Amino acid sequence: MGDRRGFLALAERRIGGLAGVEVEGVSSVHETVGVGMARADAGTFLNSAMAVRTTLGPLELLRALREIERDLGRVRSETPAVGSQSRTIDLDLLMYGSVVMDTPELTLPHPRMHERAFVLKPLAEVGAEAMHPVLRRTVREIGRGGRH
């Protein structure tokens, strides 16, 4: 919603400005049709991926991403919606090295990333050789099977 490219650029700058975060790469922007949208007229999404090196732990990083989302106007509902909703920005933590975790706040690696070409294409630009710690395949190898 809104200035989509502007929100992506601002989020990129904010992430790069976090203490303990060093941006190693940013993918190009990919425009895709929304998957599982609650409204058929929701339009397209812009997707991008960043590779970062950080001294923050996974939950600290996630909380910093959520704060950036809030600052950019993202409103998260306390109750799950039927289908996905349009939003100003959606920052997901897909992988954190070889960490595997499943808590109410964060699941790593992201539980559906391997099924989504709109995630894997930009991710492959910045981390094609990154190893998925559960599937034990690289992002490049997984990307050959992304469905959406």
Protein backbone atom coordinates (compact mmCIF):
# COMPACT_ATOMS: atom_id res chain seq x y z
CA MET A 1 0.00 0.00 0.00
CA GLY A 2 1.16 3.54 -0.58
CA ASP A 3 4.62 4.38 -1.91
CA ARG A 4 5.77 0.75 -2.20
CA ARG A 5 9.25 1.43 -3.58
CA GLY A 6 9.70 4.24 -1.09
CA PHE A 7 8.79 1.94 1.80
CA LEU A 8 11.26 -0.69 0.55
CA ALA A 9 14.05 1.89 0.25
CA LEU A 10 13.30 3.32 3.68
CA ALA A 11 13.17 -0.14 5.27
CA GLU A 12 16.52 -0.96 3.65
CA ARG A 13 18.08 2.21 5.07
CA ARG A 14 16.59 1.58 8.51
CA ILE A 15 17.82 -2.03 8.60
CA GLY A 16 21.28 -0.91 7.48
CA GLY A 17 21.27 1.69 10.24
CA LEU A 18 20.55 -0.76 13.05
CA ALA A 19 23.33 -1.07 15.60
CA GLY A 20 25.04 -4.41 15.12
CA VAL A 21 23.80 -4.92 11.55
CA GLU A 22 25.92 -4.80 8.40
CA VAL A 23 24.16 -5.15 5.04
CA GLU A 24 26.01 -7.58 2.76
CA GLY A 25 23.63 -7.51 -0.18
CA VAL A 26 20.26 -6.31 -1.43
CA SER A 27 18.38 -8.01 -4.26
CA SER A 28 16.58 -6.30 -7.08
CA VAL A 29 12.87 -5.64 -6.62
CA HIS A 30 10.47 -8.29 -7.93
CA GLU A 31 6.80 -7.53 -8.57
CA THR A 32 4.41 -10.44 -8.00
CA VAL A 33 0.72 -11.14 -7.62
CA GLY A 34 -0.27 -11.65 -3.98
CA VAL A 35 -0.62 -15.26 -2.84
CA GLY A 36 -3.60 -16.14 -0.65
CA MET A 37 -4.97 -12.61 -0.59
CA ALA A 38 -8.28 -12.02 1.16
CA ARG A 39 -9.31 -9.60 -1.61
CA ALA A 40 -9.08 -10.46 -5.29
CA ASP A 41 -8.38 -6.79 -6.17
CA ALA A 42 -5.42 -6.47 -3.77
CA GLY A 43 -2.98 -5.94 -6.64
CA THR A 44 0.67 -6.82 -6.78
CA PHE A 45 3.44 -6.88 -4.22
CA LEU A 46 7.04 -5.77 -4.42
CA ASN A 47 9.50 -8.29 -2.99
CA SER A 48 13.15 -7.88 -2.14
CA ALA A 49 15.68 -9.68 0.04
CA MET A 50 18.63 -8.55 2.13
CA ALA A 51 21.59 -10.48 3.42
CA VAL A 52 22.98 -9.07 6.64
CA ARG A 53 25.69 -9.91 9.13
CA THR A 54 24.63 -9.10 12.68
CA THR A 55 25.61 -9.30 16.32
CA LEU A 56 21.92 -9.22 17.27
CA GLY A 57 20.28 -12.48 18.24
CA PRO A 58 17.37 -13.74 16.12
CA LEU A 59 14.65 -12.43 18.46
CA GLU A 60 16.40 -9.07 18.84
CA LEU A 61 16.60 -8.76 15.06
CA LEU A 62 12.96 -9.76 14.62
CA ARG A 63 11.86 -7.17 17.19
CA ALA A 64 13.90 -4.49 15.40
CA LEU A 65 12.21 -5.46 12.10
CA ARG A 66 8.78 -5.26 13.75
CA GLU A 67 9.61 -1.78 15.06
CA ILE A 68 10.56 -0.67 11.54
CA GLU A 69 7.27 -2.09 10.25
CA ARG A 70 5.31 -0.14 12.90
CA ASP A 71 7.22 3.05 12.09
CA LEU A 72 6.28 2.59 8.42
CA GLY A 73 2.58 2.22 9.23
CA ARG A 74 2.22 -1.56 9.43
CA VAL A 75 -0.67 -2.63 11.64
CA ARG A 76 -0.71 -6.25 12.77
CA SER A 77 -4.04 -7.73 13.83
CA GLU A 78 -4.19 -9.70 17.06
CA THR A 79 -6.57 -12.15 15.40
CA PRO A 80 -5.57 -14.02 12.25
CA ALA A 81 -7.33 -12.69 9.18
CA VAL A 82 -8.90 -14.82 6.49
CA GLY A 83 -6.17 -14.73 3.87
CA SER A 84 -3.36 -12.22 3.73
CA GLN A 85 -4.00 -8.50 3.90
CA SER A 86 -2.48 -5.59 2.00
CA ARG A 87 0.05 -3.69 4.09
CA THR A 88 2.63 -0.94 3.82
CA ILE A 89 5.57 -3.25 4.52
CA ASP A 90 6.17 -6.84 5.61
CA LEU A 91 9.64 -7.68 6.90
CA ASP A 92 10.29 -11.39 7.42
CA LEU A 93 13.31 -13.02 8.98
CA LEU A 94 13.75 -16.00 6.66
CA MET A 95 16.94 -17.61 7.94
CA TYR A 96 19.51 -16.87 10.61
CA GLY A 97 22.58 -18.88 9.68
CA SER A 98 22.06 -22.49 10.72
CA VAL A 99 19.66 -21.64 13.57
CA VAL A 100 16.53 -23.77 13.82
CA MET A 101 13.93 -22.56 16.30
CA ASP A 102 10.19 -22.65 16.80
CA THR A 103 8.75 -20.25 19.36
CA PRO A 104 5.43 -18.41 19.48
CA GLU A 105 7.28 -15.29 18.29
CA LEU A 106 9.62 -16.71 15.65
CA THR A 107 10.10 -19.85 13.57
CA LEU A 108 13.42 -20.31 11.79
CA PRO A 109 13.89 -21.00 9.04
CA HIS A 110 10.67 -19.39 7.82
CA PRO A 111 8.22 -22.32 7.58
CA ARG A 112 6.95 -21.59 4.04
CA MET A 113 9.91 -19.92 2.35
CA HIS A 114 10.82 -23.06 0.41
CA GLU A 115 7.36 -23.07 -1.23
CA ARG A 116 7.40 -19.50 -2.49
CA ALA A 117 9.20 -18.36 -5.62
CA PHE A 118 8.42 -14.73 -4.68
CA VAL A 119 10.70 -15.28 -1.67
CA LEU A 120 13.29 -17.54 -3.28
CA LYS A 121 14.01 -15.46 -6.40
CA PRO A 122 15.16 -12.34 -4.58
CA LEU A 123 16.80 -14.42 -1.84
CA ALA A 124 18.85 -16.29 -4.44
CA GLU A 125 20.28 -12.96 -5.63
CA VAL A 126 21.86 -12.29 -2.23
CA GLY A 127 22.29 -15.79 -0.81
CA ALA A 128 22.09 -18.49 -3.48
CA GLU A 129 24.55 -20.71 -1.65
CA ALA A 130 23.01 -20.24 1.81
CA MET A 131 22.12 -23.63 3.22
CA HIS A 132 18.59 -24.18 4.49
CA PRO A 133 19.30 -25.73 7.91
CA VAL A 134 16.36 -28.15 7.80
CA LEU A 135 16.12 -29.14 4.13
CA ARG A 136 19.94 -29.23 3.81
CA ARG A 137 19.73 -27.72 0.32
CA THR A 138 20.95 -24.36 -0.90
CA VAL A 139 18.55 -21.54 -1.70
CA ARG A 140 19.47 -22.03 -5.35
CA GLU A 141 18.52 -25.73 -5.21
CA ILE A 142 15.28 -25.03 -3.34
CA GLY A 143 14.38 -22.24 -5.79
CA ARG A 144 14.05 -24.74 -8.58
CA GLY A 145 10.96 -26.09 -6.82
CA GLY A 146 9.28 -22.87 -5.55
CA ARG A 147 5.55 -22.98 -6.34
CA HIS A 148 4.30 -19.38 -6.09
